[in-house]
């Protein structure tokens, strides 16, 4: 009796990892705004938000913008 495989291997390259566009949208909107600093409110935890925003700023080499956390509040600041 011949056994058949319960799986199949398909050659395919791994797609590139993409970050959530939410963080990029937040940064882009802040850059366009005339505000010097803003409080960012979202349903994400403060630590997650800070990490995501900092990664976007680093990836896009956005100098002149800082992410600041005070307690559970996250701010973007133009310097």
N, C-alpha and C. Protein backbone atom coordinates (compact mmCIF):
# COMPACT_ATOMS: atom_id res chain seq x y z
N UNK A 1 0.84 -1.18 0.00
CA UNK A 1 0.00 0.00 0.00
C UNK A 1 0.89 1.25 0.00
N UNK A 2 0.59 2.21 -0.86
CA UNK A 2 1.38 3.43 -0.96
C UNK A 2 0.77 4.51 -0.06
N UNK A 3 1.65 5.12 0.74
CA UNK A 3 1.21 6.22 1.61
C UNK A 3 1.38 7.54 0.88
N UNK A 4 0.42 8.43 0.96
CA UNK A 4 0.56 9.76 0.37
C UNK A 4 0.92 10.76 1.46
N UNK A 5 1.57 11.80 1.05
CA UNK A 5 1.98 12.83 2.02
C UNK A 5 0.78 13.67 2.44
N UNK A 6 0.81 14.11 3.67
CA UNK A 6 -0.26 14.96 4.20
C UNK A 6 0.09 16.44 4.06
N UNK A 7 1.15 16.71 3.31
CA UNK A 7 1.58 18.10 3.13
C UNK A 7 2.19 18.27 1.76
N UNK A 8 2.45 19.52 1.39
CA UNK A 8 3.07 19.82 0.11
C UNK A 8 4.05 20.97 0.33
N UNK A 9 5.23 20.87 -0.24
CA UNK A 9 6.23 21.94 -0.15
C UNK A 9 6.22 22.72 -1.47
N UNK A 10 5.99 24.02 -1.36
CA UNK A 10 5.91 24.87 -2.55
C UNK A 10 7.05 25.88 -2.50
N UNK A 11 7.96 25.86 -3.48
CA UNK A 11 9.05 26.83 -3.47
C UNK A 11 8.51 28.24 -3.71
N UNK A 12 8.82 29.13 -2.80
CA UNK A 12 8.35 30.51 -2.92
C UNK A 12 9.20 31.38 -1.99
N UNK A 13 9.64 32.57 -2.45
CA UNK A 13 10.41 33.45 -1.57
C UNK A 13 9.52 34.04 -0.47
N UNK A 14 10.13 34.33 0.65
CA UNK A 14 9.42 34.92 1.78
C UNK A 14 9.13 36.39 1.46
N UNK A 15 7.88 36.84 1.60
CA UNK A 15 7.58 38.25 1.34
C UNK A 15 8.21 39.14 2.41
N UNK A 16 8.53 40.37 2.05
CA UNK A 16 9.14 41.26 3.04
C UNK A 16 8.16 41.58 4.16
N UNK A 17 8.73 41.78 5.33
CA UNK A 17 7.91 42.12 6.49
C UNK A 17 7.47 43.57 6.38
N UNK A 18 6.22 43.83 6.67
CA UNK A 18 5.72 45.20 6.62
C UNK A 18 5.24 45.61 8.01
N UNK A 19 5.51 46.83 8.34
CA UNK A 19 5.04 47.37 9.62
C UNK A 19 3.63 47.89 9.45
N UNK A 20 3.00 48.03 10.55
CA UNK A 20 1.66 48.60 10.52
C UNK A 20 1.73 50.02 9.98
N UNK A 21 0.87 50.33 9.06
CA UNK A 21 0.89 51.66 8.47
C UNK A 21 0.36 52.71 9.44
N UNK A 22 -0.24 52.28 10.55
CA UNK A 22 -0.76 53.22 11.53
C UNK A 22 0.33 54.16 12.02
N UNK A 23 1.48 53.60 12.38
CA UNK A 23 2.57 54.42 12.91
C UNK A 23 3.08 55.41 11.85
N UNK A 24 3.19 54.93 10.62
CA UNK A 24 3.65 55.79 9.54
C UNK A 24 2.64 56.91 9.28
N UNK A 25 1.36 56.59 9.33
CA UNK A 25 0.32 57.60 9.14
C UNK A 25 0.38 58.66 10.24
N UNK A 26 0.60 58.23 11.47
CA UNK A 26 0.69 59.18 12.59
C UNK A 26 1.84 60.15 12.36
N UNK A 27 3.01 59.61 12.00
CA UNK A 27 4.18 60.46 11.78
C UNK A 27 3.95 61.40 10.60
N UNK A 28 3.42 60.89 9.50
CA UNK A 28 3.18 61.74 8.32
C UNK A 28 2.22 62.88 8.64
N UNK A 29 1.16 62.58 9.36
CA UNK A 29 0.20 63.62 9.72
C UNK A 29 0.82 64.66 10.64
N UNK A 30 1.66 64.22 11.56
CA UNK A 30 2.33 65.15 12.47
C UNK A 30 3.29 66.06 11.71
N UNK A 31 4.02 65.50 10.76
CA UNK A 31 4.97 66.29 9.96
C UNK A 31 4.22 67.37 9.19
N UNK A 32 3.06 67.04 8.65
CA UNK A 32 2.27 68.00 7.89
C UNK A 32 1.63 69.07 8.77
N UNK A 33 1.43 68.76 10.03
CA UNK A 33 0.75 69.70 10.93
C UNK A 33 1.67 70.87 11.29
N UNK A 34 1.08 71.91 11.78
CA UNK A 34 1.84 73.09 12.21
C UNK A 34 2.16 73.04 13.69
N UNK A 35 1.74 71.97 14.36
CA UNK A 35 1.92 71.86 15.80
C UNK A 35 3.36 71.52 16.16
N UNK A 36 3.83 72.06 17.28
CA UNK A 36 5.17 71.78 17.77
C UNK A 36 5.22 70.45 18.53
N UNK A 37 4.12 70.14 19.22
CA UNK A 37 4.02 68.85 19.93
C UNK A 37 2.56 68.43 19.97
N UNK A 38 2.36 67.11 19.97
CA UNK A 38 1.01 66.56 20.02
C UNK A 38 0.97 65.33 20.92
N UNK A 39 -0.19 65.12 21.53
CA UNK A 39 -0.46 63.91 22.28
C UNK A 39 -1.05 62.91 21.30
N UNK A 40 -0.53 61.69 21.27
CA UNK A 40 -1.02 60.66 20.36
C UNK A 40 -1.94 59.73 21.15
N UNK A 41 -3.20 59.67 20.75
CA UNK A 41 -4.15 58.79 21.44
C UNK A 41 -4.58 57.69 20.49
N UNK A 42 -4.48 56.46 20.97
CA UNK A 42 -4.87 55.28 20.21
C UNK A 42 -5.23 54.18 21.19
N UNK A 43 -5.74 53.08 20.67
CA UNK A 43 -6.10 51.96 21.55
C UNK A 43 -4.91 51.07 21.89
N UNK A 44 -3.75 51.38 21.36
CA UNK A 44 -2.54 50.58 21.63
C UNK A 44 -1.91 50.99 22.95
N UNK A 45 -1.20 50.04 23.55
CA UNK A 45 -0.49 50.35 24.80
C UNK A 45 0.59 51.38 24.52
N UNK A 46 0.89 52.19 25.52
CA UNK A 46 1.88 53.26 25.36
C UNK A 46 3.23 52.70 24.92
N UNK A 47 3.68 51.62 25.54
CA UNK A 47 4.99 51.07 25.19
C UNK A 47 5.03 50.56 23.75
N UNK A 48 3.95 49.98 23.28
CA UNK A 48 3.85 49.51 21.90
C UNK A 48 3.87 50.68 20.93
N UNK A 49 3.13 51.72 21.27
CA UNK A 49 3.05 52.92 20.44
C UNK A 49 4.42 53.59 20.33
N UNK A 50 5.10 53.73 21.44
CA UNK A 50 6.44 54.34 21.45
C UNK A 50 7.39 53.55 20.57
N UNK A 51 7.40 52.26 20.73
CA UNK A 51 8.30 51.40 19.95
C UNK A 51 8.00 51.51 18.46
N UNK A 52 6.74 51.45 18.07
CA UNK A 52 6.36 51.54 16.67
C UNK A 52 6.72 52.88 16.05
N UNK A 53 6.46 53.96 16.78
CA UNK A 53 6.78 55.30 16.27
C UNK A 53 8.28 55.49 16.12
N UNK A 54 9.04 55.02 17.09
CA UNK A 54 10.51 55.16 17.01
C UNK A 54 11.08 54.36 15.85
N UNK A 55 10.54 53.19 15.58
CA UNK A 55 11.03 52.39 14.44
C UNK A 55 10.74 53.09 13.12
N UNK A 56 9.57 53.70 13.00
CA UNK A 56 9.24 54.43 11.77
C UNK A 56 10.17 55.62 11.61
N UNK A 57 10.41 56.36 12.68
CA UNK A 57 11.28 57.53 12.61
C UNK A 57 12.71 57.12 12.24
N UNK A 58 13.17 56.00 12.78
CA UNK A 58 14.52 55.53 12.47
C UNK A 58 14.61 55.06 11.02
N UNK A 59 13.61 54.32 10.56
CA UNK A 59 13.61 53.79 9.20
C UNK A 59 13.56 54.90 8.16
N UNK A 60 12.87 55.98 8.46
CA UNK A 60 12.73 57.08 7.51
C UNK A 60 13.73 58.19 7.77
N UNK A 61 14.62 57.99 8.72
CA UNK A 61 15.63 58.99 9.08
C UNK A 61 15.00 60.36 9.30
N UNK A 62 13.90 60.36 10.05
CA UNK A 62 13.19 61.61 10.33
C UNK A 62 13.83 62.32 11.52
N UNK A 63 14.90 63.03 11.24
CA UNK A 63 15.53 63.78 12.32
C UNK A 63 14.68 65.01 12.62
N UNK A 64 14.74 65.44 13.82
CA UNK A 64 13.97 66.61 14.21
C UNK A 64 12.64 66.26 14.86
N UNK A 65 12.32 64.97 14.95
CA UNK A 65 11.09 64.54 15.62
C UNK A 65 11.47 63.54 16.70
N UNK A 66 10.92 63.76 17.89
CA UNK A 66 11.19 62.86 19.01
C UNK A 66 9.88 62.27 19.50
N UNK A 67 9.97 61.06 20.03
CA UNK A 67 8.84 60.41 20.70
C UNK A 67 9.12 60.50 22.20
N UNK A 68 8.16 61.03 22.93
CA UNK A 68 8.32 61.21 24.37
C UNK A 68 7.16 60.53 25.08
N UNK A 69 7.49 59.74 26.11
CA UNK A 69 6.46 59.08 26.90
C UNK A 69 6.47 59.66 28.31
N UNK A 70 5.31 60.07 28.76
CA UNK A 70 5.13 60.55 30.13
C UNK A 70 4.00 59.74 30.74
N UNK A 71 4.38 58.83 31.63
CA UNK A 71 3.37 57.93 32.19
C UNK A 71 2.82 57.05 31.08
N UNK A 72 1.52 57.07 30.89
CA UNK A 72 0.89 56.29 29.83
C UNK A 72 0.51 57.15 28.63
N UNK A 73 1.06 58.36 28.56
CA UNK A 73 0.79 59.26 27.45
C UNK A 73 2.01 59.34 26.54
N UNK A 74 1.76 59.37 25.23
CA UNK A 74 2.83 59.40 24.24
C UNK A 74 2.69 60.68 23.42
N UNK A 75 3.80 61.39 23.26
CA UNK A 75 3.83 62.66 22.55
C UNK A 75 4.82 62.58 21.40
N UNK A 76 4.53 63.33 20.33
CA UNK A 76 5.49 63.58 19.27
C UNK A 76 5.88 65.04 19.37
N UNK A 77 7.18 65.31 19.26
CA UNK A 77 7.71 66.66 19.45
C UNK A 77 8.66 66.99 18.31
N UNK A 78 8.45 68.16 17.71
CA UNK A 78 9.39 68.66 16.70
C UNK A 78 10.46 69.45 17.43
N UNK A 79 11.72 69.14 17.11
CA UNK A 79 12.80 69.87 17.79
C UNK A 79 13.54 70.79 16.85
